[in-house]
Amino acid sequence: MSKSIGMALLAVGIALIIFGIKASDSLGSDASRFFTGTPTDKSMWLLIGGIAVTTAGAFATMRKA
């Protein structure tokens, strides 16, 4: 059961990373980067959350049952 949860977490994490990359390439993020030097908070949280969920999914998938 934990392997299927791990695979689901991997899929969700990869999707969050993809959404974060797309959000960091958006016009709003470009404007924020121009004025503040950093991308928007939304894109950063999507990337950080995606990396965390992908890592948790990888550990859950590789763990022995």
N, C-alpha and C. Protein backbone atom coordinates (compact mmCIF):
# COMPACT_ATOMS: atom_id res chain seq x y z
N MET A 1 0.82 -1.19 0.00
CA MET A 1 0.00 0.00 0.00
C MET A 1 0.87 1.26 0.00
N SER A 2 1.99 1.24 0.70
CA SER A 2 2.82 2.44 0.79
C SER A 2 3.50 2.74 -0.54
N LYS A 3 3.75 1.71 -1.35
CA LYS A 3 4.35 1.97 -2.66
C LYS A 3 3.39 2.70 -3.57
N SER A 4 2.11 2.38 -3.51
CA SER A 4 1.14 3.09 -4.34
C SER A 4 0.98 4.54 -3.88
N ILE A 5 1.05 4.77 -2.57
CA ILE A 5 1.00 6.14 -2.05
C ILE A 5 2.26 6.89 -2.48
N GLY A 6 3.39 6.22 -2.45
CA GLY A 6 4.65 6.83 -2.88
C GLY A 6 4.62 7.21 -4.35
N MET A 7 4.06 6.35 -5.17
CA MET A 7 3.95 6.66 -6.60
C MET A 7 3.01 7.84 -6.83
N ALA A 8 1.92 7.89 -6.08
CA ALA A 8 0.99 9.02 -6.19
C ALA A 8 1.67 10.32 -5.76
N LEU A 9 2.46 10.27 -4.69
CA LEU A 9 3.18 11.45 -4.25
C LEU A 9 4.20 11.91 -5.29
N LEU A 10 4.86 10.94 -5.92
CA LEU A 10 5.79 11.29 -6.99
C LEU A 10 5.08 12.02 -8.13
N ALA A 11 3.94 11.51 -8.52
CA ALA A 11 3.19 12.13 -9.62
C ALA A 11 2.73 13.54 -9.25
N VAL A 12 2.23 13.70 -8.03
CA VAL A 12 1.77 15.02 -7.58
C VAL A 12 2.95 15.98 -7.48
N GLY A 13 4.07 15.50 -6.97
CA GLY A 13 5.26 16.35 -6.85
C GLY A 13 5.78 16.82 -8.19
N ILE A 14 5.81 15.93 -9.16
CA ILE A 14 6.26 16.31 -10.50
C ILE A 14 5.30 17.32 -11.11
N ALA A 15 4.02 17.13 -10.90
CA ALA A 15 3.04 18.09 -11.42
C ALA A 15 3.23 19.47 -10.77
N LEU A 16 3.48 19.50 -9.47
CA LEU A 16 3.71 20.77 -8.79
C LEU A 16 4.97 21.47 -9.31
N ILE A 17 6.02 20.70 -9.58
CA ILE A 17 7.24 21.28 -10.13
C ILE A 17 6.98 21.88 -11.51
N ILE A 18 6.22 21.17 -12.33
CA ILE A 18 5.90 21.67 -13.67
C ILE A 18 5.08 22.96 -13.58
N PHE A 19 4.08 22.98 -12.70
CA PHE A 19 3.28 24.20 -12.51
C PHE A 19 4.14 25.35 -11.97
N GLY A 20 5.08 25.03 -11.10
CA GLY A 20 5.97 26.06 -10.56
C GLY A 20 6.88 26.65 -11.62
N ILE A 21 7.37 25.81 -12.51
CA ILE A 21 8.22 26.30 -13.60
C ILE A 21 7.40 27.19 -14.54
N LYS A 22 6.18 26.76 -14.85
CA LYS A 22 5.34 27.58 -15.71
C LYS A 22 4.97 28.89 -15.03
N ALA A 23 4.73 28.87 -13.73
CA ALA A 23 4.39 30.10 -13.01
C ALA A 23 5.59 31.05 -12.94
N SER A 24 6.80 30.50 -12.87
CA SER A 24 7.98 31.37 -12.82
C SER A 24 8.29 32.00 -14.17
N ASP A 25 7.75 31.43 -15.25
CA ASP A 25 7.94 32.00 -16.58
C ASP A 25 6.80 32.93 -16.99
N SER A 26 5.86 33.20 -16.09
CA SER A 26 4.69 34.01 -16.44
C SER A 26 5.04 35.50 -16.46
N LEU A 27 4.14 36.29 -17.01
CA LEU A 27 4.34 37.73 -17.10
C LEU A 27 4.37 38.37 -15.71
N GLY A 28 3.52 37.90 -14.82
CA GLY A 28 3.50 38.44 -13.45
C GLY A 28 4.79 38.17 -12.72
N SER A 29 5.35 37.00 -12.91
CA SER A 29 6.61 36.67 -12.28
C SER A 29 7.75 37.47 -12.89
N ASP A 30 7.68 37.72 -14.20
CA ASP A 30 8.70 38.55 -14.85
C ASP A 30 8.66 39.98 -14.31
N ALA A 31 7.46 40.51 -14.10
CA ALA A 31 7.33 41.85 -13.55
C ALA A 31 7.85 41.90 -12.11
N SER A 32 7.52 40.88 -11.33
CA SER A 32 8.01 40.82 -9.95
C SER A 32 9.53 40.71 -9.93
N ARG A 33 10.07 39.92 -10.81
CA ARG A 33 11.52 39.74 -10.89
C ARG A 33 12.19 41.06 -11.30
N PHE A 34 11.55 41.84 -12.17
CA PHE A 34 12.11 43.12 -12.61
C PHE A 34 12.19 44.12 -11.46
N PHE A 35 11.12 44.19 -10.66
CA PHE A 35 11.07 45.19 -9.60
C PHE A 35 11.74 44.73 -8.31
N THR A 36 11.61 43.47 -7.96
CA THR A 36 12.14 43.01 -6.68
C THR A 36 13.36 42.11 -6.80
N GLY A 37 13.59 41.56 -7.96
CA GLY A 37 14.73 40.66 -8.15
C GLY A 37 14.41 39.21 -7.85
N THR A 38 13.19 38.93 -7.40
CA THR A 38 12.80 37.55 -7.10
C THR A 38 11.49 37.22 -7.82
N PRO A 39 11.27 35.95 -8.13
CA PRO A 39 9.97 35.58 -8.73
C PRO A 39 8.85 35.67 -7.70
N THR A 40 7.62 35.46 -8.12
CA THR A 40 6.48 35.57 -7.21
C THR A 40 6.51 34.47 -6.15
N ASP A 41 5.81 34.74 -5.05
CA ASP A 41 5.75 33.76 -3.97
C ASP A 41 5.06 32.48 -4.42
N LYS A 42 4.05 32.61 -5.27
CA LYS A 42 3.31 31.43 -5.73
C LYS A 42 4.24 30.46 -6.45
N SER A 43 5.06 30.97 -7.35
CA SER A 43 5.95 30.08 -8.09
C SER A 43 6.99 29.44 -7.16
N MET A 44 7.47 30.20 -6.19
CA MET A 44 8.45 29.64 -5.25
C MET A 44 7.82 28.55 -4.39
N TRP A 45 6.60 28.77 -3.90
CA TRP A 45 5.95 27.75 -3.07
C TRP A 45 5.61 26.51 -3.87
N LEU A 46 5.23 26.68 -5.14
CA LEU A 46 4.96 25.52 -5.97
C LEU A 46 6.23 24.69 -6.19
N LEU A 47 7.34 25.36 -6.44
CA LEU A 47 8.60 24.64 -6.64
C LEU A 47 9.07 23.96 -5.36
N ILE A 48 9.03 24.67 -4.25
CA ILE A 48 9.48 24.10 -2.97
C ILE A 48 8.57 22.94 -2.56
N GLY A 49 7.27 23.12 -2.69
CA GLY A 49 6.33 22.04 -2.36
C GLY A 49 6.50 20.84 -3.28
N GLY A 50 6.72 21.10 -4.56
CA GLY A 50 6.93 20.00 -5.51
C GLY A 50 8.17 19.20 -5.19
N ILE A 51 9.24 19.88 -4.83
CA ILE A 51 10.48 19.18 -4.48
C ILE A 51 10.27 18.36 -3.20
N ALA A 52 9.59 18.93 -2.22
CA ALA A 52 9.36 18.22 -0.96
C ALA A 52 8.48 16.99 -1.17
N VAL A 53 7.40 17.14 -1.93
CA VAL A 53 6.49 16.02 -2.15
C VAL A 53 7.15 14.94 -3.02
N THR A 54 7.94 15.35 -4.00
CA THR A 54 8.66 14.38 -4.83
C THR A 54 9.67 13.60 -4.00
N THR A 55 10.36 14.27 -3.11
CA THR A 55 11.33 13.60 -2.23
C THR A 55 10.62 12.60 -1.32
N ALA A 56 9.51 13.01 -0.73
CA ALA A 56 8.76 12.11 0.15
C ALA A 56 8.23 10.90 -0.65
N GLY A 57 7.76 11.15 -1.85
CA GLY A 57 7.29 10.06 -2.69
C GLY A 57 8.40 9.09 -3.09
N ALA A 58 9.58 9.63 -3.36
CA ALA A 58 10.70 8.77 -3.71
C ALA A 58 11.11 7.89 -2.53
N PHE A 59 11.15 8.47 -1.34
CA PHE A 59 11.49 7.66 -0.16
C PHE A 59 10.41 6.62 0.12
N ALA A 60 9.15 6.97 -0.03
CA ALA A 60 8.08 6.02 0.23
C ALA A 60 8.07 4.89 -0.81
N THR A 61 8.45 5.20 -2.04
CA THR A 61 8.48 4.19 -3.08
C THR A 61 9.65 3.25 -2.91
N MET A 62 10.80 3.76 -2.49
CA MET A 62 12.01 2.94 -2.38
C MET A 62 12.10 2.17 -1.07
N ARG A 63 11.28 2.55 -0.09
CA ARG A 63 11.32 1.89 1.20
C ARG A 63 10.82 0.45 1.09
N LYS A 64 11.45 -0.44 1.80
CA LYS A 64 11.02 -1.84 1.77
C LYS A 64 9.74 -2.01 2.56
N ALA A 65 8.88 -2.87 2.06
CA ALA A 65 7.57 -3.07 2.70
C ALA A 65 7.66 -3.92 3.94
